[in-house]
Amino acid sequence: MIKEIPVIYADSSYDIKKKLDKNGFFIISLREEMISVEYYKNVIRERAIVTGKLQMIFNGTNAERISNAIGKHVPGLQKDHYMYLGRELMKAELCLKTHTAYEQDS
């Protein structure tokens, strides 16, 4: 007996509502032929995120290496946040290599 394996087609119905990660946020930019990623810890007042405090900066030219460094030094992010960072870092690396402008998705 052969068990059926489900095939799941990703479409727009899988878009999830973006929610803020309680552990912080990242600002990605291209600077001086490098990808620069600033990590901010959330500053919370009256149970609301009001701003962030810069904790560390990751610099490099390779999305995978930057992703690995973030995973090592910023544990505990939401899974969808790690996936988002991976997509954005790959986009930033492509822009770096092709000398095109990079704009981070929000």
Protein backbone atom coordinates (compact mmCIF):
# COMPACT_ATOMS: atom_id res chain seq x y z
CA MET A 1 0.00 0.00 0.00
CA ILE A 2 1.43 3.37 -1.05
CA LYS A 3 0.69 6.29 1.22
CA GLU A 4 -0.34 9.50 -0.52
CA ILE A 5 2.01 12.38 0.09
CA PRO A 6 0.27 15.77 0.21
CA VAL A 7 1.36 18.35 -2.34
CA ILE A 8 0.84 21.88 -1.10
CA TYR A 9 0.77 24.71 -3.61
CA ALA A 10 1.84 28.03 -2.13
CA ASP A 11 -0.39 30.90 -3.19
CA SER A 12 -1.55 34.20 -1.84
CA SER A 13 -3.86 32.49 0.65
CA TYR A 14 -0.72 31.58 2.62
CA ASP A 15 0.20 35.20 3.25
CA ILE A 16 0.35 35.66 6.98
CA LYS A 17 -0.36 38.87 8.79
CA LYS A 18 2.86 40.60 9.67
CA LYS A 19 3.32 40.92 13.38
CA LEU A 20 6.14 42.50 15.26
CA ASP A 21 8.70 40.16 16.78
CA LYS A 22 8.87 40.69 20.54
CA ASN A 23 12.65 40.20 20.33
CA GLY A 24 13.34 43.15 18.06
CA PHE A 25 13.75 44.23 14.46
CA PHE A 26 16.39 44.64 11.74
CA ILE A 27 17.27 47.41 9.32
CA ILE A 28 19.05 46.14 6.19
CA SER A 29 20.95 48.46 3.86
CA LEU A 30 23.82 48.49 1.39
CA ARG A 31 26.82 50.55 2.50
CA GLU A 32 30.26 50.81 0.92
CA GLU A 33 29.98 47.58 -1.10
CA MET A 34 28.68 45.68 1.93
CA ILE A 35 25.36 44.46 3.29
CA SER A 36 24.80 46.08 6.67
CA VAL A 37 22.21 44.73 9.11
CA GLU A 38 21.39 46.66 12.27
CA TYR A 39 19.65 44.72 15.04
CA TYR A 40 17.44 46.71 17.42
CA LYS A 41 15.95 45.44 20.66
CA ASN A 42 12.41 46.68 21.18
CA VAL A 43 11.82 49.48 23.69
CA ILE A 44 8.40 48.94 25.25
CA ARG A 45 6.34 51.50 27.15
CA GLU A 46 2.86 50.85 28.44
CA ARG A 47 2.79 47.47 26.68
CA ALA A 48 3.56 48.96 23.24
CA ILE A 49 6.74 49.01 21.16
CA VAL A 50 7.71 52.66 20.89
CA THR A 51 11.21 52.44 19.41
CA GLY A 52 14.30 50.27 19.35
CA LYS A 53 17.78 50.32 20.89
CA LEU A 54 20.67 49.37 18.61
CA GLN A 55 22.28 46.17 19.89
CA MET A 56 24.68 45.07 17.13
CA ILE A 57 25.57 45.49 13.48
CA PHE A 58 26.28 42.64 11.06
CA ASN A 59 28.34 43.43 7.94
CA GLY A 60 29.27 41.22 5.01
CA THR A 61 28.79 40.47 1.34
CA ASN A 62 27.23 37.00 1.59
CA ALA A 63 23.58 36.52 2.62
CA GLU A 64 24.13 33.00 3.96
CA ARG A 65 27.04 34.04 6.18
CA ILE A 66 25.15 37.03 7.54
CA SER A 67 22.10 34.81 8.17
CA ASN A 68 24.25 32.33 10.07
CA ALA A 69 25.78 35.12 12.18
CA ILE A 70 22.34 36.50 13.02
CA GLY A 71 21.11 33.01 13.96
CA LYS A 72 24.11 32.58 16.28
CA HIS A 73 24.01 36.01 17.93
CA VAL A 74 20.26 36.72 17.98
CA PRO A 75 18.52 33.51 19.09
CA GLY A 76 14.82 33.23 19.76
CA LEU A 77 13.34 35.18 16.87
CA GLN A 78 10.00 34.10 15.47
CA LYS A 79 10.37 31.52 12.68
CA ASP A 80 8.73 33.75 10.11
CA HIS A 81 11.18 36.53 11.05
CA TYR A 82 14.16 34.28 10.23
CA MET A 83 12.53 33.39 6.89
CA TYR A 84 11.88 37.06 6.12
CA LEU A 85 15.50 37.93 6.93
CA GLY A 86 16.73 35.19 4.61
CA ARG A 87 14.63 36.51 1.73
CA GLU A 88 15.69 40.10 2.34
CA LEU A 89 19.37 39.22 2.66
CA MET A 90 19.30 37.30 -0.63
CA LYS A 91 17.63 40.28 -2.26
CA ALA A 92 20.28 42.61 -0.78
CA GLU A 93 23.09 40.34 -2.00
CA LEU A 94 21.65 40.32 -5.53
CA CYS A 95 21.41 44.13 -5.50
CA LEU A 96 24.98 44.35 -4.22
CA LYS A 97 26.27 42.11 -7.01
CA THR A 98 24.29 43.87 -9.75
CA HIS A 99 24.96 47.39 -8.44
CA THR A 100 21.25 48.16 -8.17
CA ALA A 101 19.36 49.96 -5.42
CA TYR A 102 18.08 47.89 -2.49
CA GLU A 103 14.92 48.71 -0.57
CA GLN A 104 13.88 46.61 2.41
CA ASP A 105 10.31 45.32 2.45
CA SER A 106 8.41 46.23 5.58
